[in-house]
Protein backbone atom coordinates (compact mmCIF):
# COMPACT_ATOMS: atom_id res chain seq x y z
CA MET A 1 -36.41 -30.56 -95.45
CA SER A 2 -36.15 -30.69 -99.22
CA GLU A 3 -33.17 -28.49 -100.01
CA ASP A 4 -32.17 -28.15 -103.63
CA PHE A 5 -28.59 -29.37 -104.15
CA GLN A 6 -28.50 -28.42 -107.83
CA GLY A 7 -24.96 -27.65 -108.97
CA ARG A 8 -23.31 -29.12 -105.90
CA VAL A 9 -20.83 -31.99 -105.96
CA ALA A 10 -20.67 -34.73 -103.33
CA ILE A 11 -18.30 -37.65 -102.75
CA ILE A 12 -19.46 -40.64 -100.72
CA THR A 13 -17.00 -43.38 -99.79
CA GLY A 14 -18.52 -46.82 -99.42
CA GLY A 15 -21.42 -45.51 -101.49
CA SER A 16 -22.41 -48.65 -103.35
CA ASP A 17 -24.75 -50.12 -100.74
CA GLY A 18 -26.38 -49.61 -97.35
CA ILE A 19 -26.18 -46.16 -95.77
CA GLY A 20 -23.86 -44.86 -98.46
CA LEU A 21 -26.17 -45.83 -101.30
CA ALA A 22 -29.24 -44.43 -99.53
CA THR A 23 -27.39 -41.13 -99.04
CA ALA A 24 -26.19 -41.04 -102.64
CA SER A 25 -29.74 -41.68 -103.86
CA LEU A 26 -31.21 -38.92 -101.71
CA LEU A 27 -28.58 -36.36 -102.73
CA ALA A 28 -29.03 -37.26 -106.39
CA GLN A 29 -32.80 -36.95 -106.08
CA ARG A 30 -32.24 -33.41 -104.84
CA GLY A 31 -30.03 -32.46 -107.75
CA ALA A 32 -26.46 -33.05 -106.62
CA GLN A 33 -23.74 -34.52 -108.78
CA VAL A 34 -22.77 -37.55 -106.72
CA VAL A 35 -19.54 -39.56 -106.92
CA ILE A 36 -19.45 -42.84 -105.03
CA CYS A 37 -16.54 -45.17 -104.49
CA GLY A 38 -16.22 -48.73 -103.28
CA ARG A 39 -14.26 -51.96 -103.71
CA ARG A 40 -16.81 -54.13 -105.51
CA GLN A 41 -17.46 -53.26 -109.15
CA ALA A 42 -20.73 -55.22 -109.34
CA LEU A 43 -22.25 -53.23 -106.48
CA LEU A 44 -20.96 -49.97 -107.94
CA ASP A 45 -22.53 -50.79 -111.30
CA SER A 46 -25.84 -51.65 -109.65
CA ALA A 47 -25.85 -48.44 -107.61
CA ARG A 48 -24.97 -46.30 -110.62
CA ASN A 49 -27.65 -47.90 -112.77
CA SER A 50 -30.29 -47.53 -110.06
CA ILE A 51 -29.61 -43.85 -109.47
CA SER A 52 -29.22 -43.07 -113.18
CA ALA A 53 -32.56 -44.74 -113.90
CA GLN A 54 -34.17 -42.24 -111.54
CA GLY A 55 -32.56 -39.33 -113.38
CA GLY A 56 -29.76 -38.77 -110.89
CA LEU A 57 -26.27 -37.56 -111.73
CA ILE A 58 -23.96 -40.32 -110.54
CA GLU A 59 -20.37 -41.43 -111.10
CA ALA A 60 -18.89 -44.60 -109.61
CA VAL A 61 -15.19 -45.18 -108.93
CA GLN A 62 -13.70 -48.51 -107.91
CA LEU A 63 -11.08 -48.21 -105.18
CA ASP A 64 -10.20 -49.35 -101.68
CA VAL A 65 -10.05 -46.34 -99.36
CA ALA A 66 -7.20 -48.05 -97.50
CA ASP A 67 -5.16 -47.18 -100.61
CA THR A 68 -4.67 -43.59 -99.47
CA ASP A 69 -2.84 -42.50 -102.63
CA ALA A 70 -5.74 -43.67 -104.79
CA LEU A 71 -8.22 -42.02 -102.43
CA THR A 72 -6.43 -38.69 -102.57
CA ALA A 73 -6.14 -38.89 -106.35
CA MET A 74 -9.86 -39.63 -106.67
CA ILE A 75 -10.83 -36.60 -104.60
CA GLU A 76 -8.44 -34.32 -106.46
CA GLY A 77 -9.70 -35.71 -109.77
CA VAL A 78 -13.35 -35.08 -108.89
CA ALA A 79 -12.59 -31.50 -107.83
CA GLN A 80 -10.67 -30.87 -111.04
CA LYS A 81 -13.32 -32.47 -113.27
CA TYR A 82 -16.28 -30.60 -111.78
CA GLY A 83 -14.46 -27.48 -110.63
CA ARG A 84 -15.68 -27.84 -107.05
CA LEU A 85 -16.33 -30.17 -104.14
CA ASP A 86 -19.13 -29.16 -101.80
CA MET A 87 -19.75 -32.29 -99.71
CA LEU A 88 -17.85 -35.32 -98.49
CA VAL A 89 -19.30 -38.31 -96.64
CA ASN A 90 -16.75 -40.68 -95.11
CA ASN A 91 -18.88 -43.82 -94.93
CA ALA A 92 -16.57 -46.71 -95.92
CA MET A 93 -16.08 -49.14 -93.05
CA SER A 94 -14.19 -52.24 -91.99
CA THR A 95 -14.97 -54.47 -89.02
CA HIS A 96 -13.50 -57.64 -87.57
CA TYR A 97 -15.59 -59.50 -85.01
CA ALA A 98 -13.38 -61.42 -82.56
CA PRO A 99 -12.25 -61.38 -78.94
CA ILE A 100 -8.98 -59.54 -78.35
CA SER A 101 -7.24 -62.88 -77.70
CA LYS A 102 -7.97 -63.88 -81.31
CA LEU A 103 -7.85 -60.47 -82.99
CA THR A 104 -4.72 -60.09 -85.10
CA LEU A 105 -2.66 -56.94 -85.48
CA GLU A 106 -3.41 -57.13 -89.18
CA HIS A 107 -7.15 -56.96 -88.46
CA TRP A 108 -6.63 -54.09 -86.02
CA ARG A 109 -4.66 -52.12 -88.58
CA LYS A 110 -7.17 -52.82 -91.35
CA ASP A 111 -10.05 -51.41 -89.30
CA PHE A 112 -8.03 -48.31 -88.46
CA ALA A 113 -6.88 -47.93 -92.08
CA VAL A 114 -10.44 -47.85 -93.39
CA ASN A 115 -12.36 -46.30 -90.49
CA SER A 116 -9.87 -43.66 -89.34
CA ASP A 117 -6.89 -43.24 -91.65
CA ALA A 118 -9.02 -42.94 -94.79
CA ALA A 119 -11.21 -40.28 -93.18
CA PHE A 120 -8.11 -38.28 -92.25
CA VAL A 121 -6.69 -38.55 -95.77
CA SER A 122 -9.95 -37.71 -97.54
CA THR A 123 -10.69 -34.82 -95.18
CA LYS A 124 -7.22 -33.39 -95.77
CA ALA A 125 -7.70 -33.59 -99.54
CA ALA A 126 -11.22 -32.15 -99.41
CA LEU A 127 -10.18 -29.27 -97.15
CA LYS A 128 -7.74 -28.04 -99.78
CA VAL A 129 -10.57 -27.66 -102.27
CA MET A 130 -13.17 -26.39 -99.81
CA THR A 131 -10.81 -23.84 -98.26
CA ALA A 132 -10.32 -22.20 -101.64
CA ALA A 133 -14.10 -21.96 -102.03
CA GLY A 134 -14.61 -20.76 -98.46
CA LYS A 135 -17.33 -23.32 -97.80
CA GLY A 136 -18.11 -27.01 -97.64
CA SER A 137 -19.52 -29.73 -95.43
CA ILE A 138 -18.07 -33.08 -94.33
CA VAL A 139 -19.94 -35.83 -92.50
CA ASN A 140 -18.15 -38.81 -90.96
CA ILE A 141 -20.13 -41.98 -90.29
CA ALA A 142 -19.10 -43.32 -86.88
CA SER A 143 -20.93 -45.88 -84.73
CA THR A 144 -22.45 -46.36 -81.30
CA CYS A 145 -19.55 -48.82 -80.88
CA GLY A 146 -17.31 -45.76 -80.90
CA ILE A 147 -18.98 -44.25 -77.85
CA ARG A 148 -20.01 -47.37 -75.91
CA ALA A 149 -18.01 -50.50 -75.16
CA THR A 150 -18.82 -53.53 -77.30
CA VAL A 151 -17.60 -57.06 -76.72
CA ASN A 152 -15.61 -58.71 -79.53
CA MET A 153 -15.33 -55.50 -81.56
CA ALA A 154 -12.25 -53.83 -80.10
CA SER A 155 -10.62 -52.74 -83.36
CA TYR A 156 -13.85 -51.46 -84.88
CA SER A 157 -14.87 -49.67 -81.69
CA ALA A 158 -11.47 -48.04 -81.15
CA SER A 159 -11.23 -46.89 -84.76
CA LYS A 160 -14.72 -45.40 -84.67
CA ALA A 161 -13.95 -43.66 -81.36
CA ALA A 162 -10.91 -42.15 -83.04
CA LEU A 163 -13.14 -40.98 -85.89
CA VAL A 164 -15.52 -39.24 -83.48
CA HIS A 165 -12.69 -37.32 -81.84
CA PHE A 166 -11.04 -36.56 -85.17
CA THR A 167 -14.34 -35.05 -86.31
CA ALA A 168 -14.35 -32.63 -83.39
CA ALA A 169 -10.70 -31.68 -83.83
CA ALA A 170 -11.07 -31.17 -87.58
CA ALA A 171 -14.25 -29.14 -87.09
CA MET A 172 -12.41 -26.67 -84.86
CA GLU A 173 -9.74 -26.13 -87.49
CA ALA A 174 -12.22 -25.89 -90.35
CA ALA A 175 -14.79 -23.60 -88.71
CA PRO A 176 -12.92 -20.32 -89.37
CA LEU A 177 -12.61 -21.40 -93.01
CA GLY A 178 -16.37 -21.67 -93.48
CA ILE A 179 -16.31 -25.48 -93.53
CA ARG A 180 -18.48 -27.63 -91.28
CA ILE A 181 -17.51 -31.13 -90.12
CA ASN A 182 -19.88 -33.39 -88.20
CA ALA A 183 -20.36 -37.06 -87.40
CA ILE A 184 -23.42 -39.27 -87.51
CA ILE A 185 -23.49 -42.17 -85.05
CA PRO A 186 -25.63 -45.01 -86.37
CA GLY A 187 -26.82 -47.79 -84.14
CA GLN A 188 -28.14 -51.04 -85.59
CA VAL A 189 -29.08 -50.44 -89.23
CA GLN A 190 -30.62 -52.97 -91.60
CA THR A 191 -27.75 -53.27 -94.03
CA ALA A 192 -26.29 -56.36 -95.72
CA PRO A 193 -23.75 -57.02 -92.91
CA THR A 194 -26.51 -56.73 -90.29
CA GLU A 195 -28.72 -59.15 -92.19
CA LEU A 196 -25.82 -61.60 -92.53
CA PHE A 197 -25.15 -61.39 -88.79
CA SER A 198 -28.85 -61.94 -88.07
CA ALA A 199 -28.85 -65.05 -90.25
CA ARG A 200 -25.79 -66.47 -88.52
CA ALA A 201 -26.70 -65.55 -84.95
CA SER A 202 -30.45 -65.06 -84.87
CA ASP A 203 -30.79 -65.27 -81.07
CA THR A 204 -28.08 -62.67 -80.46
CA ALA A 205 -29.50 -60.44 -83.19
CA ALA A 206 -32.97 -60.66 -81.66
CA ARG A 207 -31.65 -59.70 -78.22
CA THR A 208 -29.71 -56.82 -79.72
CA THR A 209 -32.83 -55.46 -81.39
CA ALA A 210 -34.91 -55.93 -78.23
CA ALA A 211 -32.36 -53.84 -76.30
CA ILE A 212 -32.98 -50.81 -78.51
CA PRO A 213 -35.47 -48.41 -76.86
CA MET A 214 -37.44 -48.12 -80.12
CA GLN A 215 -37.46 -51.93 -80.38
CA ARG A 216 -36.22 -52.04 -83.98
CA GLY A 217 -33.21 -51.45 -86.16
CA GLY A 218 -32.97 -48.41 -88.37
CA GLN A 219 -33.32 -48.27 -92.14
CA PRO A 220 -30.53 -46.88 -94.35
CA GLU A 221 -32.91 -44.18 -95.59
CA GLU A 222 -33.41 -42.93 -92.02
CA LEU A 223 -29.67 -42.45 -91.69
CA ALA A 224 -29.50 -40.82 -95.11
CA HIS A 225 -31.97 -38.12 -94.10
CA ALA A 226 -29.86 -37.25 -91.06
CA ILE A 227 -26.67 -37.17 -93.13
CA VAL A 228 -28.20 -34.99 -95.83
CA PHE A 229 -29.52 -32.62 -93.18
CA MET A 230 -26.01 -32.24 -91.75
CA LEU A 231 -24.66 -31.58 -95.24
CA SER A 232 -27.30 -28.99 -96.00
CA ASP A 233 -27.53 -25.26 -95.36
CA ALA A 234 -30.30 -26.05 -92.88
CA ALA A 235 -27.48 -27.15 -90.55
CA SER A 236 -25.41 -24.02 -91.21
CA TYR A 237 -24.69 -23.39 -87.49
CA ILE A 238 -23.86 -26.99 -86.60
CA THR A 239 -20.26 -28.19 -86.54
CA GLY A 240 -18.17 -30.49 -84.35
CA THR A 241 -21.27 -32.50 -83.45
CA ALA A 242 -21.66 -36.28 -83.20
CA LEU A 243 -25.36 -37.02 -83.67
CA PRO A 244 -26.67 -40.45 -82.61
CA VAL A 245 -29.27 -41.88 -84.99
CA ASP A 246 -29.84 -45.11 -83.14
CA GLY A 247 -33.38 -45.49 -81.84
CA GLY A 248 -32.30 -44.11 -78.46
CA LYS A 249 -29.59 -46.68 -77.72
CA ALA A 250 -26.76 -44.26 -76.92
CA ALA A 251 -28.96 -42.45 -74.39
CA GLN A 252 -29.92 -45.61 -72.55
CA LEU A 253 -28.45 -46.66 -69.19
CA TYR A 254 -28.68 -50.42 -69.34
CA MET A 255 -30.22 -52.06 -66.29
CA PRO A 256 -30.45 -55.86 -66.09
CA GLY A 257 -34.01 -57.15 -66.04
């Protein structure tokens, strides 16, 4: 699939590294005007320079998606500047790793603010623009933690589960308007947080990888291809779907060895 996205405008939250950056790069390679946002200016600058060097059309905006007023303003500003908004990828994430006994309410709320609340706010803002155009595509990046129980990740798991169900509910409302909304469910992906976890807990990381049916973690580019497919016209009859891209993990019934 090598659809031409010339003339289309995409926003990717959390687009300065990992899955978000891989998706931004792929969309830009295929001609889209891409706008990424993130909290860390250094990463945003690096992402913008990398994509620009390859001839891609890229804009980088520094913001924390938990600041919902700033997030809404950014989306409205992009739509006004370019006269359209065709695609939105809600990829920004927050996670706190701790048992419930040590997880604070502040941590719980932060994960929900970034993983669920921001997706609601950005979707609401994007729908206003897309409804006027009578078309558009939104992809929310969830997690296998949102569909399977995970120890020490209650706030992340619950917020991602909420995102999966929000995707379905929003898709039903948006379908008559010509707008598609889907979710991608990544499993273990070789991003900076995953590499940091592997360095700190190598034994646990090795067991986690061994438990994946394909016996490896995914690469950000593999997720990007699935996301771009869902954004594209090739997926024109797909909406309300949560697609696992996880090496088979979500399909597996674990049986102790």
